[in-house]
Amino acid sequence: MSAWSRAVYDLGFGMALMLVALNAGGAAERLHRGVANHPRVGAVLTPVVLRATSAVLGVIGIAIGTVRLVHA
């Protein structure tokens, strides 16, 4: 994978995570409903936890993608 494609991949993945964090289209609730039937998992992966985790990972992904894009 070239440096440019890796940077674009990181930026795209970070933006997708930020869409979950900003709850675009109710993504966090839909993800929670998908795992809510599993014992112990549904209690831990609440929409708030999904949104917070996605926000942190999204910011990190965008930062890494930006650094890779600048140094590519």
N, C-alpha and C. Protein backbone atom coordinates (compact mmCIF):
# COMPACT_ATOMS: atom_id res chain seq x y z
N MET A 1 0.86 -1.17 0.00
CA MET A 1 0.00 0.00 0.00
C MET A 1 0.91 1.24 0.00
N SER A 2 0.61 2.16 -0.90
CA SER A 2 1.45 3.36 -0.98
C SER A 2 1.15 4.30 0.19
N ALA A 3 2.00 5.26 0.37
CA ALA A 3 1.85 6.21 1.48
C ALA A 3 0.57 7.02 1.34
N TRP A 4 0.24 7.42 0.10
CA TRP A 4 -0.98 8.20 -0.12
C TRP A 4 -2.23 7.38 0.19
N SER A 5 -2.27 6.15 -0.30
CA SER A 5 -3.47 5.34 -0.07
C SER A 5 -3.63 5.01 1.40
N ARG A 6 -2.53 4.79 2.10
CA ARG A 6 -2.61 4.53 3.55
C ARG A 6 -3.13 5.75 4.29
N ALA A 7 -2.68 6.94 3.90
CA ALA A 7 -3.15 8.17 4.54
C ALA A 7 -4.64 8.38 4.28
N VAL A 8 -5.08 8.14 3.05
CA VAL A 8 -6.51 8.29 2.72
C VAL A 8 -7.34 7.25 3.46
N TYR A 9 -6.83 6.03 3.58
CA TYR A 9 -7.51 4.99 4.34
C TYR A 9 -7.68 5.40 5.80
N ASP A 10 -6.61 5.89 6.41
CA ASP A 10 -6.67 6.31 7.81
C ASP A 10 -7.67 7.46 8.00
N LEU A 11 -7.65 8.42 7.08
CA LEU A 11 -8.59 9.54 7.17
C LEU A 11 -10.03 9.07 7.00
N GLY A 12 -10.26 8.19 6.05
CA GLY A 12 -11.62 7.68 5.82
C GLY A 12 -12.13 6.88 7.00
N PHE A 13 -11.28 6.03 7.56
CA PHE A 13 -11.68 5.24 8.72
C PHE A 13 -11.94 6.13 9.93
N GLY A 14 -11.11 7.15 10.11
CA GLY A 14 -11.32 8.09 11.22
C GLY A 14 -12.61 8.86 11.05
N MET A 15 -12.93 9.25 9.82
CA MET A 15 -14.18 9.97 9.59
C MET A 15 -15.39 9.07 9.80
N ALA A 16 -15.28 7.80 9.42
CA ALA A 16 -16.38 6.86 9.65
C ALA A 16 -16.62 6.68 11.14
N LEU A 17 -15.55 6.60 11.92
CA LEU A 17 -15.70 6.49 13.37
C LEU A 17 -16.32 7.76 13.96
N MET A 18 -15.96 8.91 13.40
CA MET A 18 -16.56 10.15 13.90
C MET A 18 -18.04 10.23 13.57
N LEU A 19 -18.46 9.64 12.45
CA LEU A 19 -19.89 9.60 12.14
C LEU A 19 -20.65 8.78 13.17
N VAL A 20 -20.06 7.69 13.63
CA VAL A 20 -20.68 6.90 14.71
C VAL A 20 -20.70 7.72 15.99
N ALA A 21 -19.59 8.42 16.28
CA ALA A 21 -19.51 9.22 17.50
C ALA A 21 -20.53 10.35 17.50
N LEU A 22 -20.77 10.94 16.34
CA LEU A 22 -21.75 12.02 16.24
C LEU A 22 -23.16 11.48 16.03
N ASN A 23 -23.29 10.16 16.02
CA ASN A 23 -24.57 9.46 15.94
C ASN A 23 -25.32 9.79 14.66
N ALA A 24 -24.60 9.86 13.56
CA ALA A 24 -25.24 10.11 12.27
C ALA A 24 -26.12 8.93 11.91
N GLY A 25 -27.37 9.20 11.71
CA GLY A 25 -28.32 8.14 11.34
C GLY A 25 -28.60 7.15 12.44
N GLY A 26 -28.34 7.49 13.68
CA GLY A 26 -28.61 6.58 14.79
C GLY A 26 -27.70 5.36 14.79
N ALA A 27 -26.47 5.53 14.32
CA ALA A 27 -25.55 4.40 14.17
C ALA A 27 -25.24 3.73 15.50
N ALA A 28 -25.04 4.51 16.54
CA ALA A 28 -24.69 3.91 17.85
C ALA A 28 -25.85 3.07 18.38
N GLU A 29 -27.07 3.56 18.20
CA GLU A 29 -28.23 2.79 18.68
C GLU A 29 -28.40 1.51 17.88
N ARG A 30 -28.17 1.57 16.56
CA ARG A 30 -28.30 0.37 15.73
C ARG A 30 -27.22 -0.65 16.08
N LEU A 31 -26.00 -0.20 16.33
CA LEU A 31 -24.94 -1.13 16.76
C LEU A 31 -25.29 -1.75 18.11
N HIS A 32 -25.83 -0.95 19.01
CA HIS A 32 -26.21 -1.47 20.33
C HIS A 32 -27.32 -2.50 20.20
N ARG A 33 -28.32 -2.23 19.35
CA ARG A 33 -29.40 -3.19 19.16
C ARG A 33 -28.89 -4.50 18.58
N GLY A 34 -27.84 -4.42 17.76
CA GLY A 34 -27.29 -5.63 17.16
C GLY A 34 -26.61 -6.55 18.16
N VAL A 35 -26.05 -5.99 19.22
CA VAL A 35 -25.35 -6.81 20.22
C VAL A 35 -26.12 -6.92 21.53
N ALA A 36 -27.27 -6.29 21.62
CA ALA A 36 -28.01 -6.26 22.88
C ALA A 36 -28.52 -7.63 23.29
N ASN A 37 -28.72 -8.53 22.35
CA ASN A 37 -29.25 -9.85 22.67
C ASN A 37 -28.21 -10.78 23.27
N HIS A 38 -26.94 -10.45 23.14
CA HIS A 38 -25.89 -11.28 23.71
C HIS A 38 -25.74 -10.97 25.20
N PRO A 39 -25.66 -12.00 26.02
CA PRO A 39 -25.50 -11.74 27.46
C PRO A 39 -24.17 -11.06 27.76
N ARG A 40 -24.18 -10.16 28.67
CA ARG A 40 -23.04 -9.39 29.15
C ARG A 40 -22.52 -8.37 28.15
N VAL A 41 -22.64 -8.62 26.87
CA VAL A 41 -22.12 -7.69 25.87
C VAL A 41 -23.03 -6.48 25.76
N GLY A 42 -24.34 -6.70 25.71
CA GLY A 42 -25.29 -5.60 25.58
C GLY A 42 -25.26 -4.65 26.76
N ALA A 43 -24.92 -5.16 27.93
CA ALA A 43 -24.87 -4.30 29.11
C ALA A 43 -23.64 -3.40 29.11
N VAL A 44 -22.57 -3.85 28.48
CA VAL A 44 -21.32 -3.09 28.46
C VAL A 44 -21.29 -2.12 27.28
N LEU A 45 -21.73 -2.57 26.12
CA LEU A 45 -21.68 -1.74 24.91
C LEU A 45 -22.95 -0.91 24.76
N THR A 46 -23.10 0.06 25.62
CA THR A 46 -24.24 0.97 25.51
C THR A 46 -23.95 1.98 24.40
N PRO A 47 -24.96 2.68 23.91
CA PRO A 47 -24.71 3.70 22.89
C PRO A 47 -23.71 4.77 23.33
N VAL A 48 -23.72 5.12 24.61
CA VAL A 48 -22.78 6.13 25.10
C VAL A 48 -21.35 5.62 25.04
N VAL A 49 -21.13 4.37 25.42
CA VAL A 49 -19.80 3.78 25.36
C VAL A 49 -19.34 3.67 23.91
N LEU A 50 -20.24 3.26 23.02
CA LEU A 50 -19.88 3.16 21.60
C LEU A 50 -19.51 4.53 21.03
N ARG A 51 -20.27 5.55 21.39
CA ARG A 51 -20.00 6.89 20.87
C ARG A 51 -18.69 7.44 21.41
N ALA A 52 -18.43 7.25 22.70
CA ALA A 52 -17.20 7.76 23.30
C ALA A 52 -15.97 7.06 22.72
N THR A 53 -16.04 5.74 22.60
CA THR A 53 -14.93 4.98 22.04
C THR A 53 -14.68 5.36 20.59
N SER A 54 -15.76 5.52 19.83
CA SER A 54 -15.62 5.91 18.43
C SER A 54 -15.02 7.31 18.29
N ALA A 55 -15.38 8.19 19.20
CA ALA A 55 -14.84 9.55 19.15
C ALA A 55 -13.33 9.54 19.39
N VAL A 56 -12.89 8.82 20.39
CA VAL A 56 -11.46 8.76 20.70
C VAL A 56 -10.68 8.12 19.55
N LEU A 57 -11.17 6.97 19.07
CA LEU A 57 -10.47 6.29 17.98
C LEU A 57 -10.55 7.10 16.69
N GLY A 58 -11.65 7.81 16.47
CA GLY A 58 -11.78 8.64 15.28
C GLY A 58 -10.79 9.79 15.27
N VAL A 59 -10.64 10.45 16.41
CA VAL A 59 -9.67 11.56 16.50
C VAL A 59 -8.25 11.04 16.28
N ILE A 60 -7.94 9.90 16.86
CA ILE A 60 -6.61 9.32 16.67
C ILE A 60 -6.39 8.95 15.20
N GLY A 61 -7.39 8.34 14.58
CA GLY A 61 -7.26 7.95 13.18
C GLY A 61 -7.09 9.14 12.25
N ILE A 62 -7.85 10.20 12.50
CA ILE A 62 -7.72 11.41 11.67
C ILE A 62 -6.36 12.06 11.88
N ALA A 63 -5.88 12.08 13.12
CA ALA A 63 -4.56 12.66 13.39
C ALA A 63 -3.46 11.87 12.69
N ILE A 64 -3.52 10.56 12.77
CA ILE A 64 -2.50 9.73 12.11
C ILE A 64 -2.58 9.89 10.60
N GLY A 65 -3.80 9.91 10.06
CA GLY A 65 -3.95 10.09 8.62
C GLY A 65 -3.43 11.42 8.14
N THR A 66 -3.66 12.47 8.93
CA THR A 66 -3.17 13.79 8.58
C THR A 66 -1.65 13.83 8.60
N VAL A 67 -1.04 13.25 9.61
CA VAL A 67 0.43 13.21 9.68
C VAL A 67 1.00 12.43 8.51
N ARG A 68 0.38 11.31 8.18
CA ARG A 68 0.86 10.51 7.04
C ARG A 68 0.68 11.27 5.72
N LEU A 69 -0.40 12.02 5.61
CA LEU A 69 -0.63 12.78 4.40
C LEU A 69 0.39 13.91 4.23
N VAL A 70 0.74 14.55 5.35
CA VAL A 70 1.72 15.65 5.29
C VAL A 70 3.11 15.11 4.96
N HIS A 71 3.46 13.95 5.49
CA HIS A 71 4.80 13.41 5.29
C HIS A 71 4.91 12.45 4.12
N ALA A 72 3.84 12.32 3.35
CA ALA A 72 3.87 11.38 2.20
C ALA A 72 4.61 12.00 1.02
